[in-house]
Amino acid sequence: MPRYELALVLKAMQRPETASALRRTVETLMERGAVVRDIENLGERLLPFAMTKHNQRHRRGSYFLIDFYAAPKILTGLVDHLHRDLDVVRPTVLKKDTQNSTQACCGLPQ
């Protein structure tokens, strides 16, 4: 299975509601057959611009990175599900590069 990273922005909520939304997201991943490797909390901060989602205007959000393995065929349904979640402001799934680059950057020796 390929490795992916879910960059998740949740609306600004109290800690129990944020934990519940994050738990719900991880359970959705696992129900669809994904294997979650790591969850990183990047904290709550101002959004780069005001976002409107589900008829609500958001200026702050909680940022999370979820590292997981999953079959490519589940991603479309997963993203659709996350877009319908009322607590999710912005879900972005990125494929992680599995190859470790051993070349020097910009021609400089390492």
PDB file of N, CA and C in Angstrom:
ATOM      1  N   MET A   1       0.838  -1.181   0.000  1.00  0.00           N
ATOM      2  CA  MET A   1       0.000   0.000   0.000  1.00  0.00           C
ATOM      3  C   MET A   1       0.883   1.244   0.000  1.00  0.00           C
ATOM      4  N   PRO A   2       0.499   2.244  -0.759  1.00  0.00           N
ATOM      5  CA  PRO A   2       1.255   3.501  -0.757  1.00  0.00           C
ATOM      6  C   PRO A   2       1.068   4.266   0.555  1.00  0.00           C
ATOM      7  N   ARG A   3       1.997   5.154   0.804  1.00  0.00           N
ATOM      8  CA  ARG A   3       1.970   5.966   2.020  1.00  0.00           C
ATOM      9  C   ARG A   3       1.428   7.348   1.677  1.00  0.00           C
ATOM     10  N   TYR A   4       0.525   7.846   2.517  1.00  0.00           N
ATOM     11  CA  TYR A   4      -0.104   9.139   2.300  1.00  0.00           C
ATOM     12  C   TYR A   4      -0.009   9.982   3.565  1.00  0.00           C
ATOM     13  N   GLU A   5      -0.246  11.272   3.375  1.00  0.00           N
ATOM     14  CA  GLU A   5      -0.308  12.193   4.500  1.00  0.00           C
ATOM     15  C   GLU A   5      -1.578  13.030   4.346  1.00  0.00           C
ATOM     16  N   LEU A   6      -2.375  13.064   5.399  1.00  0.00           N
ATOM     17  CA  LEU A   6      -3.591  13.865   5.411  1.00  0.00           C
ATOM     18  C   LEU A   6      -3.304  15.139   6.190  1.00  0.00           C
ATOM     19  N   ALA A   7      -3.302  16.261   5.489  1.00  0.00           N
ATOM     20  CA  ALA A   7      -3.176  17.564   6.135  1.00  0.00           C
ATOM     21  C   ALA A   7      -4.599  18.014   6.434  1.00  0.00           C
ATOM     22  N   LEU A   8      -4.922  18.076   7.709  1.00  0.00           N
ATOM     23  CA  LEU A   8      -6.297  18.291   8.136  1.00  0.00           C
ATOM     24  C   LEU A   8      -6.401  19.595   8.912  1.00  0.00           C
ATOM     25  N   VAL A   9      -7.348  20.434   8.525  1.00  0.00           N
ATOM     26  CA  VAL A   9      -7.641  21.658   9.271  1.00  0.00           C
ATOM     27  C   VAL A   9      -9.047  21.509   9.833  1.00  0.00           C
ATOM     28  N   LEU A  10      -9.131  21.495  11.155  1.00  0.00           N
ATOM     29  CA  LEU A  10     -10.415  21.425  11.840  1.00  0.00           C
ATOM     30  C   LEU A  10     -10.805  22.815  12.299  1.00  0.00           C
ATOM     31  N   LYS A  11     -12.102  23.067  12.412  1.00  0.00           N
ATOM     32  CA  LYS A  11     -12.527  24.370  12.900  1.00  0.00           C
ATOM     33  C   LYS A  11     -12.101  24.535  14.350  1.00  0.00           C
ATOM     34  N   ALA A  12     -11.947  25.772  14.778  1.00  0.00           N
ATOM     35  CA  ALA A  12     -11.513  26.064  16.146  1.00  0.00           C
ATOM     36  C   ALA A  12     -12.613  25.646  17.123  1.00  0.00           C
ATOM     37  N   MET A  13     -12.266  24.704  18.009  1.00  0.00           N
ATOM     38  CA  MET A  13     -13.215  24.180  18.997  1.00  0.00           C
ATOM     39  C   MET A  13     -12.472  23.980  20.313  1.00  0.00           C
ATOM     40  N   GLN A  14     -13.229  23.646  21.352  1.00  0.00           N
ATOM     41  CA  GLN A  14     -12.618  23.291  22.623  1.00  0.00           C
ATOM     42  C   GLN A  14     -11.915  21.942  22.473  1.00  0.00           C
ATOM     43  N   ARG A  15     -11.013  21.657  23.397  1.00  0.00           N
ATOM     44  CA  ARG A  15     -10.193  20.446  23.296  1.00  0.00           C
ATOM     45  C   ARG A  15     -11.006  19.142  23.188  1.00  0.00           C
ATOM     46  N   PRO A  16     -12.066  18.913  23.978  1.00  0.00           N
ATOM     47  CA  PRO A  16     -12.811  17.649  23.832  1.00  0.00           C
ATOM     48  C   PRO A  16     -13.460  17.489  22.462  1.00  0.00           C
ATOM     49  N   GLU A  17     -13.997  18.579  21.911  1.00  0.00           N
ATOM     50  CA  GLU A  17     -14.630  18.498  20.593  1.00  0.00           C
ATOM     51  C   GLU A  17     -13.592  18.259  19.499  1.00  0.00           C
ATOM     52  N   THR A  18     -12.417  18.877  19.643  1.00  0.00           N
ATOM     53  CA  THR A  18     -11.339  18.659  18.676  1.00  0.00           C
ATOM     54  C   THR A  18     -10.874  17.207  18.722  1.00  0.00           C
ATOM     55  N   ALA A  19     -10.709  16.669  19.932  1.00  0.00           N
ATOM     56  CA  ALA A  19     -10.286  15.265  20.079  1.00  0.00           C
ATOM     57  C   ALA A  19     -11.325  14.331  19.481  1.00  0.00           C
ATOM     58  N   SER A  20     -12.597  14.636  19.672  1.00  0.00           N
ATOM     59  CA  SER A  20     -13.666  13.802  19.122  1.00  0.00           C
ATOM     60  C   SER A  20     -13.650  13.825  17.591  1.00  0.00           C
ATOM     61  N   ALA A  21     -13.455  15.004  17.007  1.00  0.00           N
ATOM     62  CA  ALA A  21     -13.405  15.111  15.547  1.00  0.00           C
ATOM     63  C   ALA A  21     -12.188  14.374  14.989  1.00  0.00           C
ATOM     64  N   LEU A  22     -11.054  14.488  15.668  1.00  0.00           N
ATOM     65  CA  LEU A  22      -9.846  13.792  15.222  1.00  0.00           C
ATOM     66  C   LEU A  22     -10.021  12.280  15.348  1.00  0.00           C
ATOM     67  N   ARG A  23     -10.599  11.824  16.447  1.00  0.00           N
ATOM     68  CA  ARG A  23     -10.861  10.389  16.640  1.00  0.00           C
ATOM     69  C   ARG A  23     -11.796   9.873  15.549  1.00  0.00           C
ATOM     70  N   ARG A  24     -12.817  10.638  15.229  1.00  0.00           N
ATOM     71  CA  ARG A  24     -13.768  10.258  14.191  1.00  0.00           C
ATOM     72  C   ARG A  24     -13.074  10.132  12.830  1.00  0.00           C
ATOM     73  N   THR A  25     -12.152  11.040  12.550  1.00  0.00           N
ATOM     74  CA  THR A  25     -11.414  10.998  11.283  1.00  0.00           C
ATOM     75  C   THR A  25     -10.517   9.769  11.209  1.00  0.00           C
ATOM     76  N   VAL A  26      -9.799   9.481  12.287  1.00  0.00           N
ATOM     77  CA  VAL A  26      -8.908   8.317  12.311  1.00  0.00           C
ATOM     78  C   VAL A  26      -9.718   7.020  12.220  1.00  0.00           C
ATOM     79  N   GLU A  27     -10.856   6.959  12.898  1.00  0.00           N
ATOM     80  CA  GLU A  27     -11.703   5.767  12.811  1.00  0.00           C
ATOM     81  C   GLU A  27     -12.225   5.573  11.388  1.00  0.00           C
ATOM     82  N   THR A  28     -12.546   6.665  10.704  1.00  0.00           N
ATOM     83  CA  THR A  28     -12.988   6.578   9.312  1.00  0.00           C
ATOM     84  C   THR A  28     -11.882   5.999   8.434  1.00  0.00           C
ATOM     85  N   LEU A  29     -10.655   6.454   8.656  1.00  0.00           N
ATOM     86  CA  LEU A  29      -9.517   5.905   7.914  1.00  0.00           C
ATOM     87  C   LEU A  29      -9.392   4.404   8.148  1.00  0.00           C
ATOM     88  N   MET A  30      -9.436   4.003   9.410  1.00  0.00           N
ATOM     89  CA  MET A  30      -9.225   2.590   9.741  1.00  0.00           C
ATOM     90  C   MET A  30     -10.380   1.714   9.264  1.00  0.00           C
ATOM     91  N   GLU A  31     -11.606   2.237   9.287  1.00  0.00           N
ATOM     92  CA  GLU A  31     -12.749   1.471   8.773  1.00  0.00           C
ATOM     93  C   GLU A  31     -12.616   1.185   7.282  1.00  0.00           C
ATOM     94  N   ARG A  32     -11.926   2.064   6.580  1.00  0.00           N
ATOM     95  CA  ARG A  32     -11.746   1.897   5.136  1.00  0.00           C
ATOM     96  C   ARG A  32     -10.494   1.098   4.793  1.00  0.00           C
ATOM     97  N   GLY A  33      -9.797   0.602   5.810  1.00  0.00           N
ATOM     98  CA  GLY A  33      -8.659  -0.270   5.571  1.00  0.00           C
ATOM     99  C   GLY A  33      -7.302   0.394   5.649  1.00  0.00           C
ATOM    100  N   ALA A  34      -7.245   1.633   6.075  1.00  0.00           N
ATOM    101  CA  ALA A  34      -5.964   2.336   6.177  1.00  0.00           C
ATOM    102  C   ALA A  34      -5.251   1.934   7.468  1.00  0.00           C
ATOM    103  N   VAL A  35      -3.934   2.045   7.439  1.00  0.00           N
ATOM    104  CA  VAL A  35      -3.107   1.794   8.616  1.00  0.00           C
ATOM    105  C   VAL A  35      -2.476   3.133   9.001  1.00  0.00           C
ATOM    106  N   VAL A  36      -2.880   3.663  10.147  1.00  0.00           N
ATOM    107  CA  VAL A  36      -2.393   4.972  10.595  1.00  0.00           C
ATOM    108  C   VAL A  36      -1.060   4.787  11.295  1.00  0.00           C
ATOM    109  N   ARG A  37      -0.054   5.521  10.833  1.00  0.00           N
ATOM    110  CA  ARG A  37       1.297   5.445  11.406  1.00  0.00           C
ATOM    111  C   ARG A  37       1.532   6.483  12.478  1.00  0.00           C
ATOM    112  N   ASP A  38       1.091   7.722  12.216  1.00  0.00           N
ATOM    113  CA  ASP A  38       1.440   8.814  13.122  1.00  0.00           C
ATOM    114  C   ASP A  38       0.414   9.936  12.990  1.00  0.00           C
ATOM    115  N   ILE A  39       0.187  10.636  14.102  1.00  0.00           N
ATOM    116  CA  ILE A  39      -0.654  11.828  14.117  1.00  0.00           C
ATOM    117  C   ILE A  39       0.169  12.934  14.747  1.00  0.00           C
ATOM    118  N   GLU A  40       0.290  14.043  14.031  1.00  0.00           N
ATOM    119  CA  GLU A  40       1.065  15.171  14.539  1.00  0.00           C
ATOM    120  C   GLU A  40       0.152  16.376  14.691  1.00  0.00           C
ATOM    121  N   ASN A  41       0.131  16.947  15.888  1.00  0.00           N
ATOM    122  CA  ASN A  41      -0.661  18.135  16.168  1.00  0.00           C
ATOM    123  C   ASN A  41       0.206  19.360  15.926  1.00  0.00           C
ATOM    124  N   LEU A  42      -0.191  20.196  14.974  1.00  0.00           N
ATOM    125  CA  LEU A  42       0.559  21.407  14.670  1.00  0.00           C
ATOM    126  C   LEU A  42      -0.008  22.627  15.388  1.00  0.00           C
ATOM    127  N   GLY A  43      -1.065  22.422  16.162  1.00  0.00           N
ATOM    128  CA  GLY A  43      -1.624  23.491  16.977  1.00  0.00           C
ATOM    129  C   GLY A  43      -2.713  24.283  16.276  1.00  0.00           C
ATOM    130  N   GLU A  44      -3.260  25.212  17.045  1.00  0.00           N
ATOM    131  CA  GLU A  44      -4.299  26.091  16.519  1.00  0.00           C
ATOM    132  C   GLU A  44      -3.656  27.406  16.107  1.00  0.00           C
ATOM    133  N   ARG A  45      -4.059  27.900  14.948  1.00  0.00           N
ATOM    134  CA  ARG A  45      -3.495  29.159  14.456  1.00  0.00           C
ATOM    135  C   ARG A  45      -4.477  29.835  13.508  1.00  0.00           C
ATOM    136  N   LEU A  46      -4.142  31.051  13.145  1.00  0.00           N
ATOM    137  CA  LEU A  46      -4.953  31.776  12.171  1.00  0.00           C
ATOM    138  C   LEU A  46      -4.841  31.097  10.809  1.00  0.00           C
ATOM    139  N   LEU A  47      -5.938  31.032  10.092  1.00  0.00           N
ATOM    140  CA  LEU A  47      -5.915  30.504   8.728  1.00  0.00           C
ATOM    141  C   LEU A  47      -5.291  31.550   7.813  1.00  0.00           C
ATOM    142  N   PRO A  48      -4.695  31.147   6.706  1.00  0.00           N
ATOM    143  CA  PRO A  48      -4.066  32.124   5.815  1.00  0.00           C
ATOM    144  C   PRO A  48      -5.066  33.129   5.230  1.00  0.00           C
ATOM    145  N   PHE A  49      -6.319  32.716   5.143  1.00  0.00           N
ATOM    146  CA  PHE A  49      -7.403  33.599   4.708  1.00  0.00           C
ATOM    147  C   PHE A  49      -8.693  33.048   5.289  1.00  0.00           C
ATOM    148  N   ALA A  50      -9.696  33.888   5.383  1.00  0.00           N
ATOM    149  CA  ALA A  50     -10.977  33.435   5.926  1.00  0.00           C
ATOM    150  C   ALA A  50     -11.595  32.405   4.977  1.00  0.00           C
ATOM    151  N   MET A  51     -12.021  31.272   5.537  1.00  0.00           N
ATOM    152  CA  MET A  51     -12.596  30.194   4.737  1.00  0.00           C
ATOM    153  C   MET A  51     -14.054  29.997   5.135  1.00  0.00           C
ATOM    154  N   THR A  52     -14.891  29.768   4.154  1.00  0.00           N
ATOM    155  CA  THR A  52     -16.295  29.478   4.407  1.00  0.00           C
ATOM    156  C   THR A  52     -16.537  28.007   4.111  1.00  0.00           C
ATOM    157  N   LYS A  53     -17.064  27.318   5.107  1.00  0.00           N
ATOM    158  CA  LYS A  53     -17.356  25.890   4.957  1.00  0.00           C
ATOM    159  C   LYS A  53     -18.642  25.603   5.713  1.00  0.00           C
ATOM    160  N   HIS A  54     -19.599  24.951   5.080  1.00  0.00           N
ATOM    161  CA  HIS A  54     -20.885  24.611   5.681  1.00  0.00           C
ATOM    162  C   HIS A  54     -21.583  25.858   6.227  1.00  0.00           C
ATOM    163  N   ASN A  55     -21.558  26.914   5.450  1.00  0.00           N
ATOM    164  CA  ASN A  55     -22.207  28.187   5.785  1.00  0.00           C
ATOM    165  C   ASN A  55     -21.669  28.832   7.058  1.00  0.00           C
ATOM    166  N   GLN A  56     -20.430  28.529   7.410  1.00  0.00           N
ATOM    167  CA  GLN A  56     -19.773  29.166   8.552  1.00  0.00           C
ATOM    168  C   GLN A  56     -18.466  29.781   8.071  1.00  0.00           C
ATOM    169  N   ARG A  57     -18.135  30.924   8.620  1.00  0.00           N
ATOM    170  CA  ARG A  57     -16.891  31.619   8.267  1.00  0.00           C
ATOM    171  C   ARG A  57     -15.844  31.273   9.317  1.00  0.00           C
ATOM    172  N   HIS A  58     -14.681  30.795   8.880  1.00  0.00           N
ATOM    173  CA  HIS A  58     -13.619  30.363   9.793  1.00  0.00           C
ATOM    174  C   HIS A  58     -12.396  31.243   9.611  1.00  0.00           C
ATOM    175  N   ARG A  59     -11.845  31.704  10.725  1.00  0.00           N
ATOM    176  CA  ARG A  59     -10.616  32.497  10.710  1.00  0.00           C
ATOM    177  C   ARG A  59      -9.482  31.793  11.463  1.00  0.00           C
ATOM    178  N   ARG A  60      -9.833  30.848  12.321  1.00  0.00           N
ATOM    179  CA  ARG A  60      -8.848  30.061  13.065  1.00  0.00           C
ATOM    180  C   ARG A  60      -9.124  28.585  12.824  1.00  0.00           C
ATOM    181  N   GLY A  61      -8.078  27.775  12.949  1.00  0.00           N
ATOM    182  CA  GLY A  61      -8.252  26.345  12.770  1.00  0.00           C
ATOM    183  C   GLY A  61      -7.168  25.564  13.474  1.00  0.00           C
ATOM    184  N   SER A  62      -7.463  24.303  13.763  1.00  0.00           N
ATOM    185  CA  SER A  62      -6.496  23.380  14.363  1.00  0.00           C
ATOM    186  C   SER A  62      -5.904  22.540  13.249  1.00  0.00           C
ATOM    187  N   TYR A  63      -4.592  22.517  13.167  1.00  0.00           N
ATOM    188  CA  TYR A  63      -3.879  21.826  12.092  1.00  0.00           C
ATOM    189  C   TYR A  63      -3.345  20.481  12.586  1.00  0.00           C
ATOM    190  N   PHE A  64      -3.548  19.437  11.789  1.00  0.00           N
ATOM    191  CA  PHE A  64      -3.053  18.096  12.101  1.00  0.00           C
ATOM    192  C   PHE A  64      -2.474  17.470  10.840  1.00  0.00           C
ATOM    193  N   LEU A  65      -1.456  16.637  11.025  1.00  0.00           N
ATOM    194  CA  LEU A  65      -0.913  15.804   9.956  1.00  0.00           C
ATOM    195  C   LEU A  65      -1.108  14.352  10.363  1.00  0.00           C
ATOM    196  N   ILE A  66      -1.738  13.576   9.496  1.00  0.00           N
ATOM    197  CA  ILE A  66      -1.970  12.155   9.762  1.00  0.00           C
ATOM    198  C   ILE A  66      -1.241  11.366   8.699  1.00  0.00           C
ATOM    199  N   ASP A  67      -0.280  10.562   9.115  1.00  0.00           N
ATOM    200  CA  ASP A  67       0.533   9.740   8.227  1.00  0.00           C
ATOM    201  C   ASP A  67      -0.088   8.342   8.201  1.00  0.00           C
ATOM    202  N   PHE A  68      -0.404   7.828   6.990  1.00  0.00           N
ATOM    203  CA  PHE A  68      -1.073   6.530   6.915  1.00  0.00           C
ATOM    204  C   PHE A  68      -0.753   5.808   5.607  1.00  0.00           C
ATOM    205  N   TYR A  69      -0.971   4.499   5.638  1.00  0.00           N
ATOM    206  CA  TYR A  69      -0.902   3.653   4.451  1.00  0.00           C
ATOM    207  C   TYR A  69      -2.334   3.307   4.051  1.00  0.00           C
ATOM    208  N   ALA A  70      -2.620   3.340   2.753  1.00  0.00           N
ATOM    209  CA  ALA A  70      -3.959   2.991   2.286  1.00  0.00           C
ATOM    210  C   ALA A  70      -3.923   2.608   0.819  1.00  0.00           C
ATOM    211  N   ALA A  71      -4.932   1.855   0.416  1.00  0.00           N
ATOM    212  CA  ALA A  71      -5.095   1.523  -1.000  1.00  0.00           C
ATOM    213  C   ALA A  71      -5.578   2.781  -1.723  1.00  0.00           C
ATOM    214  N   PRO A  72      -5.069   3.039  -2.914  1.00  0.00           N
ATOM    215  CA  PRO A  72      -5.453   4.259  -3.644  1.00  0.00           C
ATOM    216  C   PRO A  72      -6.953   4.367  -3.919  1.00  0.00           C
ATOM    217  N   LYS A  73      -7.647   3.243  -4.035  1.00  0.00           N
ATOM    218  CA  LYS A  73      -9.063   3.284  -4.394  1.00  0.00           C
ATOM    219  C   LYS A  73      -9.952   3.859  -3.297  1.00  0.00           C
ATOM    220  N   ILE A  74      -9.474   3.933  -2.047  1.00  0.00           N
ATOM    221  CA  ILE A  74     -10.323   4.463  -0.973  1.00  0.00           C
ATOM    222  C   ILE A  74     -10.230   5.978  -0.847  1.00  0.00           C
ATOM    223  N   LEU A  75      -9.274   6.610  -1.512  1.00  0.00           N
ATOM    224  CA  LEU A  75      -9.019   8.032  -1.295  1.00  0.00           C
ATOM    225  C   LEU A  75     -10.177   8.918  -1.730  1.00  0.00           C
ATOM    226  N   THR A  76     -10.800   8.629  -2.840  1.00  0.00           N
ATOM    227  CA  THR A  76     -11.894   9.466  -3.326  1.00  0.00           C
ATOM    228  C   THR A  76     -13.051   9.478  -2.333  1.00  0.00           C
ATOM    229  N   GLY A  77     -13.444   8.300  -1.885  1.00  0.00           N
ATOM    230  CA  GLY A  77     -14.524   8.208  -0.904  1.00  0.00           C
ATOM    231  C   GLY A  77     -14.151   8.844   0.426  1.00  0.00           C
ATOM    232  N   LEU A  78     -12.887   8.714   0.806  1.00  0.00           N
ATOM    233  CA  LEU A  78     -12.418   9.300   2.061  1.00  0.00           C
ATOM    234  C   LEU A  78     -12.493  10.829   2.010  1.00  0.00           C
ATOM    235  N   VAL A  79     -12.006  11.421   0.934  1.00  0.00           N
ATOM    236  CA  VAL A  79     -12.023  12.876   0.801  1.00  0.00           C
ATOM    237  C   VAL A  79     -13.460  13.380   0.735  1.00  0.00           C
ATOM    238  N   ASP A  80     -14.332  12.678   0.021  1.00  0.00           N
ATOM    239  CA  ASP A  80     -15.745  13.063  -0.025  1.00  0.00           C
ATOM    240  C   ASP A  80     -16.359  13.037   1.366  1.00  0.00           C
ATOM    241  N   HIS A  81     -16.049  12.002   2.132  1.00  0.00           N
ATOM    242  CA  HIS A  81     -16.558  11.886   3.501  1.00  0.00           C
ATOM    243  C   HIS A  81     -16.056  13.040   4.373  1.00  0.00           C
ATOM    244  N   LEU A  82     -14.779  13.382   4.242  1.00  0.00           N
ATOM    245  CA  LEU A  82     -14.210  14.461   5.057  1.00  0.00           C
ATOM    246  C   LEU A  82     -14.794  15.821   4.670  1.00  0.00           C
ATOM    247  N   HIS A  83     -15.100  16.022   3.402  1.00  0.00           N
ATOM    248  CA  HIS A  83     -15.716  17.280   2.975  1.00  0.00           C
ATOM    249  C   HIS A  83     -17.121  17.438   3.554  1.00  0.00           C
ATOM    250  N   ARG A  84     -17.794  16.326   3.845  1.00  0.00           N
ATOM    251  CA  ARG A  84     -19.136  16.395   4.433  1.00  0.00           C
ATOM    252  C   ARG A  84     -19.111  16.567   5.945  1.00  0.00           C
ATOM    253  N   ASP A  85     -17.982  16.296   6.579  1.00  0.00           N
ATOM    254  CA  ASP A  85     -17.867  16.430   8.034  1.00  0.00           C
ATOM    255  C   ASP A  85     -17.958  17.913   8.411  1.00  0.00           C
ATOM    256  N   LEU A  86     -18.845  18.249   9.332  1.00  0.00           N
ATOM    257  CA  LEU A  86     -19.071  19.646   9.705  1.00  0.00           C
ATOM    258  C   LEU A  86     -17.901  20.272  10.449  1.00  0.00           C
ATOM    259  N   ASP A  87     -17.031  19.474  11.053  1.00  0.00           N
ATOM    260  CA  ASP A  87     -15.902  20.001  11.819  1.00  0.00           C
ATOM    261  C   ASP A  87     -14.642  20.180  10.977  1.00  0.00           C
ATOM    262  N   VAL A  88     -14.619  19.625   9.774  1.00  0.00           N
ATOM    263  CA  VAL A  88     -13.438  19.697   8.915  1.00  0.00           C
ATOM    264  C   VAL A  88     -13.552  20.921   8.011  1.00  0.00           C
ATOM    265  N   VAL A  89     -12.555  21.795   8.100  1.00  0.00           N
ATOM    266  CA  VAL A  89     -12.520  22.982   7.246  1.00  0.00           C
ATOM    267  C   VAL A  89     -11.826  22.665   5.926  1.00  0.00           C
ATOM    268  N   ARG A  90     -10.678  21.968   5.987  1.00  0.00           N
ATOM    269  CA  ARG A  90      -9.931  21.680   4.771  1.00  0.00           C
ATOM    270  C   ARG A  90      -9.172  20.356   4.917  1.00  0.00           C
ATOM    271  N   PRO A  91      -9.558  19.306   4.166  1.00  0.00           N
ATOM    272  CA  PRO A  91      -8.765  18.072   4.127  1.00  0.00           C
ATOM    273  C   PRO A  91      -7.939  18.028   2.850  1.00  0.00           C
ATOM    274  N   THR A  92      -6.672  17.690   2.969  1.00  0.00           N
ATOM    275  CA  THR A  92      -5.801  17.553   1.798  1.00  0.00           C
ATOM    276  C   THR A  92      -4.992  16.270   1.945  1.00  0.00           C
ATOM    277  N   VAL A  93      -5.112  15.376   0.978  1.00  0.00           N
ATOM    278  CA  VAL A  93      -4.358  14.121   1.003  1.00  0.00           C
ATOM    279  C   VAL A  93      -3.204  14.243   0.013  1.00  0.00           C
ATOM    280  N   LEU A  94      -2.004  13.971   0.512  1.00  0.00           N
ATOM    281  CA  LEU A  94      -0.797  14.017  -0.306  1.00  0.00           C
ATOM    282  C   LEU A  94      -0.123  12.657  -0.283  1.00  0.00           C
ATOM    283  N   LYS A  95       0.404  12.234  -1.422  1.00  0.00           N
ATOM    284  CA  LYS A  95       1.155  10.988  -1.468  1.00  0.00           C
ATOM    285  C   LYS A  95       2.579  11.274  -1.025  1.00  0.00           C
ATOM    286  N   LYS A  96       3.059  10.493  -0.068  1.00  0.00           N
ATOM    287  CA  LYS A  96       4.413  10.696   0.439  1.00  0.00           C
ATOM    288  C   LYS A  96       5.405   9.940  -0.431  1.00  0.00           C
ATOM    289  N   ASP A  97       6.550  10.550  -0.637  1.00  0.00           N
ATOM    290  CA  ASP A  97       7.611   9.937  -1.419  1.00  0.00           C
ATOM    291  C   ASP A  97       8.254   8.846  -0.580  1.00  0.00           C
ATOM    292  N   THR A  98       8.284   7.619  -1.104  1.00  0.00           N
ATOM    293  CA  THR A  98       8.845   6.511  -0.348  1.00  0.00           C
ATOM    294  C   THR A  98      10.336   6.344  -0.598  1.00  0.00           C
ATOM    295  N   GLN A  99      10.864   7.009  -1.634  1.00  0.00           N
ATOM    296  CA  GLN A  99      12.285   6.896  -1.942  1.00  0.00           C
ATOM    297  C   GLN A  99      13.056   7.942  -1.150  1.00  0.00           C
ATOM    298  N   ASN A 100      14.123   7.514  -0.516  1.00  0.00           N
ATOM    299  CA  ASN A 100      14.993   8.450   0.191  1.00  0.00           C
ATOM    300  C   ASN A 100      16.034   8.966  -0.787  1.00  0.00           C
ATOM    301  N   SER A 101      16.090  10.256  -0.925  1.00  0.00           N
ATOM    302  CA  SER A 101      17.034  10.856  -1.850  1.00  0.00           C
ATOM    303  C   SER A 101      18.425  10.879  -1.216  1.00  0.00           C
ATOM    304  N   THR A 102      19.410  10.317  -1.921  1.00  0.00           N
ATOM    305  CA  THR A 102      20.781  10.325  -1.414  1.00  0.00           C
ATOM    306  C   THR A 102      21.637  11.307  -2.203  1.00  0.00           C
ATOM    307  N   GLN A 103      21.041  11.999  -3.164  1.00  0.00           N
ATOM    308  CA  GLN A 103      21.789  12.958  -3.953  1.00  0.00           C
ATOM    309  C   GLN A 103      21.928  14.257  -3.179  1.00  0.00           C
ATOM    310  N   ALA A 104      23.010  14.945  -3.453  1.00  0.00           N
ATOM    311  CA  ALA A 104      23.228  16.238  -2.804  1.00  0.00           C
ATOM    312  C   ALA A 104      22.303  17.276  -3.421  1.00  0.00           C
ATOM    313  N   CYS A 105      21.810  18.141  -2.589  1.00  0.00           N
ATOM    314  CA  CYS A 105      20.917  19.205  -3.044  1.00  0.00           C
ATOM    315  C   CYS A 105      21.732  20.294  -3.734  1.00  0.00           C
ATOM    316  N   CYS A 106      21.247  20.740  -4.851  1.00  0.00           N
ATOM    317  CA  CYS A 106      21.836  21.860  -5.579  1.00  0.00           C
ATOM    318  C   CYS A 106      23.297  21.630  -5.942  1.00  0.00           C
ATOM    319  N   GLY A 107      23.730  20.407  -6.053  1.00  0.00           N
ATOM    320  CA  GLY A 107      25.095  20.107  -6.434  1.00  0.00           C
ATOM    321  C   GLY A 107      26.118  20.251  -5.320  1.00  0.00           C
ATOM    322  N   LEU A 108      25.661  20.536  -4.126  1.00  0.00           N
ATOM    323  CA  LEU A 108      26.581  20.684  -2.992  1.00  0.00           C
ATOM    324  C   LEU A 108      26.793  19.316  -2.326  1.00  0.00           C
ATOM    325  N   PRO A 109      28.013  19.026  -1.905  1.00  0.00           N
ATOM    326  CA  PRO A 109      28.230  17.747  -1.206  1.00  0.00           C
ATOM    327  C   PRO A 109      27.577  17.787   0.168  1.00  0.00           C
ATOM    328  N   GLN A 110      27.150  16.622   0.624  1.00  0.00           N
ATOM    329  CA  GLN A 110      26.506  16.543   1.928  1.00  0.00           C
ATOM    330  C   GLN A 110      27.477  16.295   3.025  1.00  0.00           C
TER     331      GLN A 110
END
